Amino acid sequence: MLMSQRIGSLIRVAGASRQKHTLPELPYEYNALEPVISREIMSLHHSKHHATYINNLNVAEEKLAQAQAKAADTNTILNLLSAIKFNGGGHINHSIFWLNLTPCKTVPSCPFSQAVEKDFGSWDNLKNQLSTASVAVQGSGWGWLGYNKQMKKLQIATCQNQDPLQATTGLVPLFGIDVWEHAYYLQYKNVRADYVKAIFDVANWNDISQRYEKALK
């Protein structure tokens, strides 16, 4: 009964809005993050991969609305919900990822810095733990620094594929590292660890700090 209620809730949420999702513009040029992330990777990642998630999400939501109107069988609806989860997660994750990065030098806010010191002991420990978790993701997925509202602490987690952090773990996403091969392979080949290490050089600590302070409210 509980599972049926959850599925019904998902269906109602997915069918509540028919407004099309659109590709967000980047706040910087495709070549702005070089040499950490090349123009070619950024262009393909944003204009092709992220755009594909959005297009597939719009299609899946439209098909779901049609299936609901026709009282389609449960299997059809579950397949569409799976597509919405994957492509919707891809849209959510990448929309955060672009803002988590910047070509400008940024510094974390005092509240966020204090939280890092409290929960990890030092910045080096945070970076080491987040890097280790991200590099260790099997196959494709994401490494995340999130905020646990119940425990009132920063926490590191990983998600497979395009599973969105908050819907999957309950953690509020602050800083995500995309470790799908399309995010780094053209430049770093199979050495994911080099990419993960380098991405801290373009981390937008202003954006990450703002997400943390918003999560506190």
Protein backbone atom coordinates (compact mmCIF):
# COMPACT_ATOMS: atom_id res chain seq x y z
CA MET A 1 0.00 0.00 0.00
CA LEU A 2 2.78 2.45 0.93
CA MET A 3 4.61 1.81 -2.36
CA SER A 4 1.40 2.42 -4.30
CA GLN A 5 0.90 5.71 -2.48
CA ARG A 6 4.45 6.80 -3.31
CA ILE A 7 4.03 5.93 -6.98
CA GLY A 8 0.75 7.80 -7.09
CA SER A 9 2.38 10.82 -5.51
CA LEU A 10 5.19 10.77 -8.09
CA ILE A 11 2.68 10.59 -10.90
CA ARG A 12 0.72 13.55 -9.58
CA VAL A 13 3.87 15.66 -9.16
CA ALA A 14 5.19 14.79 -12.61
CA GLY A 15 1.87 15.58 -14.21
CA ALA A 16 1.24 18.78 -12.28
CA SER A 17 3.14 21.06 -14.67
CA ARG A 18 3.44 20.95 -18.43
CA GLN A 19 5.83 23.90 -18.73
CA LYS A 20 8.81 22.91 -20.87
CA HIS A 21 12.24 22.75 -19.29
CA THR A 22 14.93 24.79 -21.01
CA LEU A 23 18.72 24.75 -21.10
CA PRO A 24 20.14 27.33 -18.64
CA GLU A 25 22.78 29.69 -19.96
CA LEU A 26 26.26 29.44 -18.51
CA PRO A 27 27.49 32.46 -16.50
CA TYR A 28 30.83 32.25 -18.37
CA GLU A 29 32.18 31.36 -21.82
CA TYR A 30 32.94 27.78 -22.81
CA ASN A 31 36.67 28.47 -22.69
CA ALA A 32 36.57 30.31 -19.35
CA LEU A 33 37.55 27.31 -17.22
CA GLU A 34 40.67 26.44 -19.22
CA PRO A 35 43.11 24.89 -18.58
CA VAL A 36 41.17 22.91 -15.96
CA ILE A 37 38.27 22.10 -18.31
CA SER A 38 38.71 22.63 -22.03
CA ARG A 39 36.40 24.58 -24.29
CA GLU A 40 35.61 21.40 -26.25
CA ILE A 41 34.48 19.53 -23.14
CA MET A 42 32.39 22.43 -21.86
CA SER A 43 30.72 22.95 -25.21
CA LEU A 44 29.81 19.28 -25.62
CA HIS A 45 28.88 18.85 -21.97
CA HIS A 46 26.53 21.84 -21.87
CA SER A 47 25.10 22.13 -25.38
CA LYS A 48 24.84 18.40 -26.11
CA HIS A 49 24.69 16.30 -22.93
CA HIS A 50 22.71 18.66 -20.70
CA ALA A 51 20.48 19.63 -23.60
CA THR A 52 19.73 15.94 -24.27
CA TYR A 53 18.65 15.39 -20.66
CA ILE A 54 16.28 18.33 -20.96
CA ASN A 55 14.83 17.21 -24.29
CA ASN A 56 14.29 13.66 -23.00
CA LEU A 57 12.74 14.99 -19.79
CA ASN A 58 10.24 17.09 -21.74
CA VAL A 59 9.33 14.11 -23.93
CA ALA A 60 8.91 11.78 -20.94
CA GLU A 61 6.70 14.26 -19.09
CA GLU A 62 4.51 14.73 -22.15
CA LYS A 63 4.16 10.98 -22.59
CA LEU A 64 3.31 10.63 -18.91
CA ALA A 65 0.53 13.19 -19.25
CA GLN A 66 -0.85 11.23 -22.21
CA ALA A 67 -0.57 7.94 -20.32
CA GLN A 68 -2.46 9.39 -17.38
CA ALA A 69 -5.19 10.69 -19.65
CA LYS A 70 -5.57 7.24 -21.18
CA ALA A 71 -5.38 5.43 -17.83
CA ALA A 72 -2.34 3.51 -19.08
CA ASP A 73 -1.12 0.35 -17.38
CA THR A 74 1.23 0.57 -14.40
CA ASN A 75 4.27 -0.77 -16.29
CA THR A 76 4.04 2.01 -18.85
CA ILE A 77 3.81 4.64 -16.14
CA LEU A 78 6.72 3.16 -14.16
CA ASN A 79 8.92 3.18 -17.27
CA LEU A 80 8.11 6.83 -17.84
CA LEU A 81 8.81 7.68 -14.20
CA SER A 82 12.21 5.99 -14.55
CA ALA A 83 12.98 8.17 -17.58
CA ILE A 84 11.85 11.26 -15.68
CA LYS A 85 14.07 10.37 -12.73
CA PHE A 86 17.14 9.84 -14.92
CA ASN A 87 16.74 12.85 -17.20
CA GLY A 88 15.29 15.08 -14.49
CA GLY A 89 18.23 14.17 -12.29
CA GLY A 90 20.61 15.01 -15.11
CA HIS A 91 18.96 18.42 -15.47
CA ILE A 92 19.04 19.12 -11.73
CA ASN A 93 22.63 17.96 -11.28
CA HIS A 94 24.06 19.88 -14.20
CA SER A 95 22.17 23.06 -13.32
CA ILE A 96 23.98 22.97 -9.96
CA PHE A 97 27.31 21.90 -11.49
CA TRP A 98 27.62 24.89 -13.84
CA LEU A 99 27.13 27.34 -10.97
CA ASN A 100 29.50 25.39 -8.71
CA LEU A 101 32.29 26.33 -11.15
CA THR A 102 33.82 29.71 -11.98
CA PRO A 103 36.87 31.17 -13.71
CA CYS A 104 37.18 33.73 -10.91
CA LYS A 105 39.04 33.31 -7.66
CA THR A 106 36.55 32.92 -4.83
CA VAL A 107 36.74 32.36 -1.10
CA PRO A 108 34.26 30.57 1.19
CA SER A 109 32.12 32.54 3.61
CA CYS A 110 32.96 32.57 7.30
CA PRO A 111 29.95 30.40 8.28
CA PHE A 112 30.82 27.81 5.65
CA SER A 113 34.51 27.82 6.59
CA GLN A 114 33.60 27.29 10.23
CA ALA A 115 31.35 24.36 9.27
CA VAL A 116 34.17 22.76 7.26
CA GLU A 117 36.55 23.09 10.20
CA LYS A 118 33.95 21.65 12.58
CA ASP A 119 32.85 18.72 10.43
CA PHE A 120 36.10 17.81 8.66
CA GLY A 121 38.83 19.29 10.84
CA SER A 122 40.48 21.09 7.92
CA TRP A 123 40.06 22.07 4.28
CA ASP A 124 42.59 19.44 3.26
CA ASN A 125 40.50 16.74 4.92
CA LEU A 126 37.37 17.93 3.11
CA LYS A 127 39.11 17.94 -0.26
CA ASN A 128 40.76 14.58 0.34
CA GLN A 129 37.55 12.89 1.42
CA LEU A 130 35.45 14.38 -1.38
CA SER A 131 38.15 13.54 -3.95
CA THR A 132 38.49 9.97 -2.71
CA ALA A 133 34.73 9.41 -2.80
CA SER A 134 34.39 10.93 -6.28
CA VAL A 135 37.26 8.96 -7.78
CA ALA A 136 35.90 5.74 -6.28
CA VAL A 137 32.46 6.00 -7.93
CA GLN A 138 32.02 2.84 -9.97
CA GLY A 139 31.01 3.54 -13.55
CA SER A 140 29.20 6.86 -13.94
CA GLY A 141 27.91 9.14 -11.21
CA TRP A 142 28.59 12.08 -8.94
CA GLY A 143 30.57 12.93 -5.84
CA TRP A 144 28.81 15.40 -3.55
CA LEU A 145 29.33 17.64 -0.58
CA GLY A 146 25.91 18.01 0.97
CA TYR A 147 24.27 19.30 4.12
CA ASN A 148 22.41 16.98 6.47
CA LYS A 149 19.59 19.06 7.95
CA GLN A 150 18.66 16.48 10.58
CA MET A 151 22.22 16.06 11.88
CA LYS A 152 23.11 19.72 11.16
CA LYS A 153 26.41 18.85 9.54
CA LEU A 154 28.22 18.71 6.23
CA GLN A 155 28.39 15.26 4.71
CA ILE A 156 29.99 13.60 1.68
CA ALA A 157 27.99 11.21 -0.47
CA THR A 158 27.99 9.69 -3.93
CA CYS A 159 25.18 8.95 -6.36
CA GLN A 160 25.13 6.59 -9.30
CA ASN A 161 24.22 7.68 -12.81
CA GLN A 162 22.13 10.87 -12.64
CA ASP A 163 20.36 10.15 -9.36
CA PRO A 164 19.76 13.57 -7.71
CA LEU A 165 21.36 13.92 -4.29
CA GLN A 166 18.46 15.32 -2.27
CA ALA A 167 15.83 12.94 -3.62
CA THR A 168 18.21 10.00 -3.17
CA THR A 169 19.84 10.71 0.20
CA GLY A 170 17.96 13.63 1.75
CA LEU A 171 21.13 15.76 1.73
CA VAL A 172 20.95 19.30 0.39
CA PRO A 173 23.42 19.54 -2.54
CA LEU A 174 26.20 22.10 -2.08
CA PHE A 175 29.06 21.04 -4.38
CA GLY A 176 28.86 18.31 -7.00
CA ILE A 177 31.64 16.72 -9.03
CA ASP A 178 30.46 15.10 -12.24
CA VAL A 179 32.50 11.94 -12.79
CA TRP A 180 30.76 10.71 -15.92
CA GLU A 181 33.43 10.21 -18.59
CA HIS A 182 31.89 12.88 -20.81
CA ALA A 183 32.89 15.43 -18.14
CA TYR A 184 36.62 14.79 -18.44
CA TYR A 185 37.72 12.02 -20.82
CA LEU A 186 38.63 14.16 -23.85
CA GLN A 187 41.16 16.00 -21.69
CA TYR A 188 42.15 13.68 -18.84
CA LYS A 189 41.61 10.35 -20.61
CA ASN A 190 41.13 7.58 -18.02
CA VAL A 191 42.86 9.46 -15.16
CA ARG A 192 39.77 10.55 -13.26
CA ALA A 193 41.84 11.46 -10.20
CA ASP A 194 43.67 14.24 -12.08
CA TYR A 195 40.37 15.77 -13.18
CA VAL A 196 38.91 15.62 -9.67
CA LYS A 197 42.03 17.21 -8.18
CA ALA A 198 42.02 20.00 -10.76
CA ILE A 199 38.34 20.86 -10.43
CA PHE A 200 38.93 22.39 -6.99
CA ASP A 201 40.90 25.13 -8.79
CA VAL A 202 37.69 26.36 -10.44
CA ALA A 203 35.28 25.67 -7.56
CA ASN A 204 32.91 28.56 -6.93
CA TRP A 205 33.09 28.86 -3.15
CA ASN A 206 30.73 31.85 -3.26
CA ASP A 207 27.99 29.71 -4.78
CA ILE A 208 28.76 26.76 -2.49
CA SER A 209 28.70 29.02 0.58
CA GLN A 210 25.38 30.53 -0.45
CA ARG A 211 23.87 27.09 -0.87
CA TYR A 212 25.08 26.15 2.60
CA GLU A 213 23.67 29.28 4.24
CA LYS A 214 20.36 28.80 2.44
CA ALA A 215 20.24 25.19 3.68
CA LEU A 216 20.51 26.41 7.26
CA LYS A 217 17.23 28.31 7.02
